[in-house]
Amino acid sequence: MTQEVLDNRGLAPPEPMQRTLAKLGELVPDTALVILNDREPVPLYAELERRGYAHAAEELPDGAWRVTIRRP
């Protein structure tokens, strides 16, 4: 599986979520989207679940968050 990275750090809400959802619509099969955010994107999780995407999140040592999103 390949990965695409979307760096949302430094952006004010709701731009990170808007960019992430737009990018999901462009993903080709067998590609995961990895997003980098300044904070944990808790509101995004419910939207991902509603759309049927799986996700895994981890806090990075610098306090940023990396979320890997996969198609079902």
PDB file of N, CA and C in Angstrom:
ATOM      1  N   MET A   1       0.847  -1.174   0.000  1.00  0.00           N
ATOM      2  CA  MET A   1       0.000   0.000   0.000  1.00  0.00           C
ATOM      3  C   MET A   1       0.895   1.240   0.000  1.00  0.00           C
ATOM      4  N   THR A   2       0.586   2.162  -0.875  1.00  0.00           N
ATOM      5  CA  THR A   2       1.332   3.414  -0.918  1.00  0.00           C
ATOM      6  C   THR A   2       0.687   4.427   0.022  1.00  0.00           C
ATOM      7  N   GLN A   3       1.425   5.496   0.295  1.00  0.00           N
ATOM      8  CA  GLN A   3       0.927   6.541   1.192  1.00  0.00           C
ATOM      9  C   GLN A   3       1.107   7.903   0.544  1.00  0.00           C
ATOM     10  N   GLU A   4       0.138   8.766   0.790  1.00  0.00           N
ATOM     11  CA  GLU A   4       0.251  10.175   0.450  1.00  0.00           C
ATOM     12  C   GLU A   4       0.242  10.939   1.758  1.00  0.00           C
ATOM     13  N   VAL A   5       1.071  11.978   1.856  1.00  0.00           N
ATOM     14  CA  VAL A   5       1.159  12.764   3.084  1.00  0.00           C
ATOM     15  C   VAL A   5       0.564  14.143   2.834  1.00  0.00           C
ATOM     16  N   LEU A   6      -0.273  14.581   3.770  1.00  0.00           N
ATOM     17  CA  LEU A   6      -0.879  15.903   3.729  1.00  0.00           C
ATOM     18  C   LEU A   6      -0.501  16.609   5.022  1.00  0.00           C
ATOM     19  N   ASP A   7       0.298  17.656   4.910  1.00  0.00           N
ATOM     20  CA  ASP A   7       0.774  18.391   6.085  1.00  0.00           C
ATOM     21  C   ASP A   7      -0.169  19.556   6.364  1.00  0.00           C
ATOM     22  N   ASN A   8      -0.954  19.418   7.412  1.00  0.00           N
ATOM     23  CA  ASN A   8      -1.916  20.450   7.817  1.00  0.00           C
ATOM     24  C   ASN A   8      -1.400  21.317   8.957  1.00  0.00           C
ATOM     25  N   ARG A   9      -0.160  21.149   9.331  1.00  0.00           N
ATOM     26  CA  ARG A   9       0.369  21.928  10.457  1.00  0.00           C
ATOM     27  C   ARG A   9       0.424  23.404  10.087  1.00  0.00           C
ATOM     28  N   GLY A  10       0.149  24.235  11.073  1.00  0.00           N
ATOM     29  CA  GLY A  10       0.193  25.674  10.875  1.00  0.00           C
ATOM     30  C   GLY A  10      -1.102  26.265  10.332  1.00  0.00           C
ATOM     31  N   LEU A  11      -2.115  25.432  10.095  1.00  0.00           N
ATOM     32  CA  LEU A  11      -3.385  25.912   9.566  1.00  0.00           C
ATOM     33  C   LEU A  11      -4.412  26.026  10.677  1.00  0.00           C
ATOM     34  N   ALA A  12      -5.290  27.022  10.555  1.00  0.00           N
ATOM     35  CA  ALA A  12      -6.341  27.222  11.556  1.00  0.00           C
ATOM     36  C   ALA A  12      -7.572  26.400  11.185  1.00  0.00           C
ATOM     37  N   PRO A  13      -8.283  25.881  12.200  1.00  0.00           N
ATOM     38  CA  PRO A  13      -9.521  25.163  11.925  1.00  0.00           C
ATOM     39  C   PRO A  13     -10.508  26.106  11.219  1.00  0.00           C
ATOM     40  N   PRO A  14     -11.306  25.602  10.322  1.00  0.00           N
ATOM     41  CA  PRO A  14     -11.533  24.211   9.947  1.00  0.00           C
ATOM     42  C   PRO A  14     -10.711  23.754   8.729  1.00  0.00           C
ATOM     43  N   GLU A  15      -9.719  24.544   8.331  1.00  0.00           N
ATOM     44  CA  GLU A  15      -8.975  24.217   7.117  1.00  0.00           C
ATOM     45  C   GLU A  15      -8.352  22.820   7.112  1.00  0.00           C
ATOM     46  N   PRO A  16      -7.722  22.354   8.206  1.00  0.00           N
ATOM     47  CA  PRO A  16      -7.152  20.999   8.167  1.00  0.00           C
ATOM     48  C   PRO A  16      -8.194  19.920   7.844  1.00  0.00           C
ATOM     49  N   MET A  17      -9.372  20.034   8.434  1.00  0.00           N
ATOM     50  CA  MET A  17     -10.412  19.042   8.175  1.00  0.00           C
ATOM     51  C   MET A  17     -10.913  19.162   6.735  1.00  0.00           C
ATOM     52  N   GLN A  18     -11.108  20.370   6.258  1.00  0.00           N
ATOM     53  CA  GLN A  18     -11.571  20.565   4.885  1.00  0.00           C
ATOM     54  C   GLN A  18     -10.570  20.001   3.883  1.00  0.00           C
ATOM     55  N   ARG A  19      -9.298  20.278   4.099  1.00  0.00           N
ATOM     56  CA  ARG A  19      -8.262  19.771   3.194  1.00  0.00           C
ATOM     57  C   ARG A  19      -8.207  18.244   3.220  1.00  0.00           C
ATOM     58  N   THR A  20      -8.330  17.676   4.424  1.00  0.00           N
ATOM     59  CA  THR A  20      -8.271  16.221   4.563  1.00  0.00           C
ATOM     60  C   THR A  20      -9.427  15.552   3.829  1.00  0.00           C
ATOM     61  N   LEU A  21     -10.635  16.051   4.034  1.00  0.00           N
ATOM     62  CA  LEU A  21     -11.797  15.438   3.385  1.00  0.00           C
ATOM     63  C   LEU A  21     -11.733  15.602   1.868  1.00  0.00           C
ATOM     64  N   ALA A  22     -11.237  16.727   1.400  1.00  0.00           N
ATOM     65  CA  ALA A  22     -11.091  16.926  -0.049  1.00  0.00           C
ATOM     66  C   ALA A  22     -10.071  15.944  -0.620  1.00  0.00           C
ATOM     67  N   LYS A  23      -8.970  15.749   0.084  1.00  0.00           N
ATOM     68  CA  LYS A  23      -7.924  14.838  -0.389  1.00  0.00           C
ATOM     69  C   LYS A  23      -8.415  13.397  -0.409  1.00  0.00           C
ATOM     70  N   LEU A  24      -9.251  13.011   0.543  1.00  0.00           N
ATOM     71  CA  LEU A  24      -9.778  11.647   0.560  1.00  0.00           C
ATOM     72  C   LEU A  24     -10.538  11.339  -0.726  1.00  0.00           C
ATOM     73  N   GLY A  25     -11.220  12.336  -1.252  1.00  0.00           N
ATOM     74  CA  GLY A  25     -11.963  12.145  -2.479  1.00  0.00           C
ATOM     75  C   GLY A  25     -11.082  11.922  -3.696  1.00  0.00           C
ATOM     76  N   GLU A  26      -9.799  12.247  -3.586  1.00  0.00           N
ATOM     77  CA  GLU A  26      -8.857  12.113  -4.699  1.00  0.00           C
ATOM     78  C   GLU A  26      -8.011  10.842  -4.617  1.00  0.00           C
ATOM     79  N   LEU A  27      -8.099  10.127  -3.515  1.00  0.00           N
ATOM     80  CA  LEU A  27      -7.235   8.964  -3.325  1.00  0.00           C
ATOM     81  C   LEU A  27      -7.564   7.835  -4.293  1.00  0.00           C
ATOM     82  N   VAL A  28      -6.539   7.223  -4.801  1.00  0.00           N
ATOM     83  CA  VAL A  28      -6.717   6.045  -5.648  1.00  0.00           C
ATOM     84  C   VAL A  28      -6.709   4.806  -4.747  1.00  0.00           C
ATOM     85  N   PRO A  29      -7.244   3.686  -5.228  1.00  0.00           N
ATOM     86  CA  PRO A  29      -7.247   2.462  -4.421  1.00  0.00           C
ATOM     87  C   PRO A  29      -5.837   2.076  -3.977  1.00  0.00           C
ATOM     88  N   ASP A  30      -5.761   1.408  -2.853  1.00  0.00           N
ATOM     89  CA  ASP A  30      -4.504   0.947  -2.254  1.00  0.00           C
ATOM     90  C   ASP A  30      -3.568   2.077  -1.847  1.00  0.00           C
ATOM     91  N   THR A  31      -4.138   3.228  -1.543  1.00  0.00           N
ATOM     92  CA  THR A  31      -3.351   4.356  -1.065  1.00  0.00           C
ATOM     93  C   THR A  31      -3.913   4.809   0.277  1.00  0.00           C
ATOM     94  N   ALA A  32      -3.035   4.977   1.254  1.00  0.00           N
ATOM     95  CA  ALA A  32      -3.430   5.514   2.555  1.00  0.00           C
ATOM     96  C   ALA A  32      -3.087   7.000   2.575  1.00  0.00           C
ATOM     97  N   LEU A  33      -3.885   7.773   3.281  1.00  0.00           N
ATOM     98  CA  LEU A  33      -3.602   9.192   3.462  1.00  0.00           C
ATOM     99  C   LEU A  33      -3.055   9.379   4.871  1.00  0.00           C
ATOM    100  N   VAL A  34      -1.881   9.980   4.966  1.00  0.00           N
ATOM    101  CA  VAL A  34      -1.272  10.297   6.252  1.00  0.00           C
ATOM    102  C   VAL A  34      -1.349  11.802   6.418  1.00  0.00           C
ATOM    103  N   ILE A  35      -2.042  12.240   7.470  1.00  0.00           N
ATOM    104  CA  ILE A  35      -2.128  13.677   7.713  1.00  0.00           C
ATOM    105  C   ILE A  35      -1.297  14.021   8.945  1.00  0.00           C
ATOM    106  N   LEU A  36      -0.739  15.201   8.925  1.00  0.00           N
ATOM    107  CA  LEU A  36       0.013  15.751  10.054  1.00  0.00           C
ATOM    108  C   LEU A  36      -0.725  16.994  10.520  1.00  0.00           C
ATOM    109  N   ASN A  37      -1.102  17.018  11.789  1.00  0.00           N
ATOM    110  CA  ASN A  37      -1.841  18.139  12.364  1.00  0.00           C
ATOM    111  C   ASN A  37      -1.144  18.645  13.609  1.00  0.00           C
ATOM    112  N   ASP A  38      -1.403  19.914  13.930  1.00  0.00           N
ATOM    113  CA  ASP A  38      -0.840  20.499  15.153  1.00  0.00           C
ATOM    114  C   ASP A  38      -1.483  19.934  16.412  1.00  0.00           C
ATOM    115  N   ARG A  39      -2.730  19.514  16.280  1.00  0.00           N
ATOM    116  CA  ARG A  39      -3.461  18.972  17.429  1.00  0.00           C
ATOM    117  C   ARG A  39      -4.253  17.739  16.984  1.00  0.00           C
ATOM    118  N   GLU A  40      -4.700  16.967  17.944  1.00  0.00           N
ATOM    119  CA  GLU A  40      -5.463  15.771  17.592  1.00  0.00           C
ATOM    120  C   GLU A  40      -6.772  16.186  16.920  1.00  0.00           C
ATOM    121  N   PRO A  41      -7.057  15.655  15.736  1.00  0.00           N
ATOM    122  CA  PRO A  41      -8.258  16.065  14.995  1.00  0.00           C
ATOM    123  C   PRO A  41      -9.501  15.274  15.406  1.00  0.00           C
ATOM    124  N   VAL A  42      -9.896  15.400  16.653  1.00  0.00           N
ATOM    125  CA  VAL A  42     -10.996  14.612  17.199  1.00  0.00           C
ATOM    126  C   VAL A  42     -12.278  14.745  16.363  1.00  0.00           C
ATOM    127  N   PRO A  43     -12.692  15.947  15.935  1.00  0.00           N
ATOM    128  CA  PRO A  43     -13.926  16.033  15.133  1.00  0.00           C
ATOM    129  C   PRO A  43     -13.839  15.255  13.811  1.00  0.00           C
ATOM    130  N   LEU A  44     -12.648  15.075  13.298  1.00  0.00           N
ATOM    131  CA  LEU A  44     -12.473  14.347  12.042  1.00  0.00           C
ATOM    132  C   LEU A  44     -12.827  12.872  12.194  1.00  0.00           C
ATOM    133  N   TYR A  45     -12.571  12.296  13.347  1.00  0.00           N
ATOM    134  CA  TYR A  45     -12.769  10.860  13.537  1.00  0.00           C
ATOM    135  C   TYR A  45     -14.210  10.431  13.258  1.00  0.00           C
ATOM    136  N   ALA A  46     -15.168  11.188  13.756  1.00  0.00           N
ATOM    137  CA  ALA A  46     -16.579  10.835  13.544  1.00  0.00           C
ATOM    138  C   ALA A  46     -16.929  10.905  12.057  1.00  0.00           C
ATOM    139  N   GLU A  47     -16.403  11.894  11.371  1.00  0.00           N
ATOM    140  CA  GLU A  47     -16.675  12.033   9.938  1.00  0.00           C
ATOM    141  C   GLU A  47     -16.044  10.885   9.151  1.00  0.00           C
ATOM    142  N   LEU A  48     -14.849  10.487   9.528  1.00  0.00           N
ATOM    143  CA  LEU A  48     -14.207   9.352   8.864  1.00  0.00           C
ATOM    144  C   LEU A  48     -15.021   8.080   9.062  1.00  0.00           C
ATOM    145  N   GLU A  49     -15.469   7.853  10.287  1.00  0.00           N
ATOM    146  CA  GLU A  49     -16.271   6.670  10.576  1.00  0.00           C
ATOM    147  C   GLU A  49     -17.587   6.705   9.809  1.00  0.00           C
ATOM    148  N   ARG A  50     -18.191   7.869   9.723  1.00  0.00           N
ATOM    149  CA  ARG A  50     -19.447   8.011   8.981  1.00  0.00           C
ATOM    150  C   ARG A  50     -19.257   7.652   7.515  1.00  0.00           C
ATOM    151  N   ARG A  51     -18.091   7.987   6.977  1.00  0.00           N
ATOM    152  CA  ARG A  51     -17.795   7.715   5.567  1.00  0.00           C
ATOM    153  C   ARG A  51     -17.179   6.331   5.342  1.00  0.00           C
ATOM    154  N   GLY A  52     -16.946   5.594   6.411  1.00  0.00           N
ATOM    155  CA  GLY A  52     -16.453   4.230   6.282  1.00  0.00           C
ATOM    156  C   GLY A  52     -14.944   4.085   6.198  1.00  0.00           C
ATOM    157  N   TYR A  53     -14.196   5.112   6.596  1.00  0.00           N
ATOM    158  CA  TYR A  53     -12.734   5.036   6.566  1.00  0.00           C
ATOM    159  C   TYR A  53     -12.204   4.560   7.909  1.00  0.00           C
ATOM    160  N   ALA A  54     -11.168   3.735   7.871  1.00  0.00           N
ATOM    161  CA  ALA A  54     -10.463   3.325   9.083  1.00  0.00           C
ATOM    162  C   ALA A  54      -9.347   4.333   9.338  1.00  0.00           C
ATOM    163  N   HIS A  55      -8.991   4.524  10.598  1.00  0.00           N
ATOM    164  CA  HIS A  55      -7.918   5.468  10.907  1.00  0.00           C
ATOM    165  C   HIS A  55      -7.162   5.022  12.163  1.00  0.00           C
ATOM    166  N   ALA A  56      -5.913   5.445  12.219  1.00  0.00           N
ATOM    167  CA  ALA A  56      -5.069   5.210  13.392  1.00  0.00           C
ATOM    168  C   ALA A  56      -4.310   6.499  13.657  1.00  0.00           C
ATOM    169  N   ALA A  57      -4.297   6.940  14.898  1.00  0.00           N
ATOM    170  CA  ALA A  57      -3.664   8.216  15.249  1.00  0.00           C
ATOM    171  C   ALA A  57      -2.562   8.001  16.269  1.00  0.00           C
ATOM    172  N   GLU A  58      -1.549   8.839  16.173  1.00  0.00           N
ATOM    173  CA  GLU A  58      -0.484   8.809  17.176  1.00  0.00           C
ATOM    174  C   GLU A  58       0.067  10.213  17.376  1.00  0.00           C
ATOM    175  N   GLU A  59       0.363  10.521  18.639  1.00  0.00           N
ATOM    176  CA  GLU A  59       0.981  11.798  18.956  1.00  0.00           C
ATOM    177  C   GLU A  59       2.477  11.666  18.730  1.00  0.00           C
ATOM    178  N   LEU A  60       3.042  12.649  18.064  1.00  0.00           N
ATOM    179  CA  LEU A  60       4.475  12.655  17.777  1.00  0.00           C
ATOM    180  C   LEU A  60       5.234  13.331  18.915  1.00  0.00           C
ATOM    181  N   PRO A  61       6.536  13.108  19.017  1.00  0.00           N
ATOM    182  CA  PRO A  61       7.313  13.693  20.117  1.00  0.00           C
ATOM    183  C   PRO A  61       7.225  15.219  20.205  1.00  0.00           C
ATOM    184  N   ASP A  62       7.011  15.890  19.073  1.00  0.00           N
ATOM    185  CA  ASP A  62       6.928  17.353  19.097  1.00  0.00           C
ATOM    186  C   ASP A  62       5.530  17.867  19.428  1.00  0.00           C
ATOM    187  N   GLY A  63       4.584  16.951  19.742  1.00  0.00           N
ATOM    188  CA  GLY A  63       3.225  17.347  20.095  1.00  0.00           C
ATOM    189  C   GLY A  63       2.265  17.364  18.918  1.00  0.00           C
ATOM    190  N   ALA A  64       2.772  17.220  17.710  1.00  0.00           N
ATOM    191  CA  ALA A  64       1.901  17.132  16.534  1.00  0.00           C
ATOM    192  C   ALA A  64       1.252  15.751  16.498  1.00  0.00           C
ATOM    193  N   TRP A  65       0.288  15.581  15.607  1.00  0.00           N
ATOM    194  CA  TRP A  65      -0.405  14.303  15.473  1.00  0.00           C
ATOM    195  C   TRP A  65      -0.286  13.784  14.054  1.00  0.00           C
ATOM    196  N   ARG A  66      -0.085  12.488  13.931  1.00  0.00           N
ATOM    197  CA  ARG A  66      -0.067  11.815  12.636  1.00  0.00           C
ATOM    198  C   ARG A  66      -1.257  10.856  12.627  1.00  0.00           C
ATOM    199  N   VAL A  67      -2.093  10.996  11.608  1.00  0.00           N
ATOM    200  CA  VAL A  67      -3.261  10.133  11.459  1.00  0.00           C
ATOM    201  C   VAL A  67      -3.165   9.453  10.103  1.00  0.00           C
ATOM    202  N   THR A  68      -3.230   8.136  10.112  1.00  0.00           N
ATOM    203  CA  THR A  68      -3.211   7.351   8.881  1.00  0.00           C
ATOM    204  C   THR A  68      -4.633   6.905   8.600  1.00  0.00           C
ATOM    205  N   ILE A  69      -5.103   7.235   7.395  1.00  0.00           N
ATOM    206  CA  ILE A  69      -6.492   6.974   7.003  1.00  0.00           C
ATOM    207  C   ILE A  69      -6.471   5.993   5.833  1.00  0.00           C
ATOM    208  N   ARG A  70      -7.311   4.958   5.940  1.00  0.00           N
ATOM    209  CA  ARG A  70      -7.383   3.942   4.890  1.00  0.00           C
ATOM    210  C   ARG A  70      -8.818   3.737   4.465  1.00  0.00           C
ATOM    211  N   ARG A  71      -8.954   3.402   3.194  1.00  0.00           N
ATOM    212  CA  ARG A  71     -10.280   3.042   2.682  1.00  0.00           C
ATOM    213  C   ARG A  71     -10.694   1.713   3.297  1.00  0.00           C
ATOM    214  N   PRO A  72     -12.009   1.507   3.421  1.00  0.00           N
ATOM    215  CA  PRO A  72     -12.479   0.237   3.980  1.00  0.00           C
ATOM    216  C   PRO A  72     -12.234  -0.920   3.027  1.00  0.00           C
TER     217      PRO A  72
END
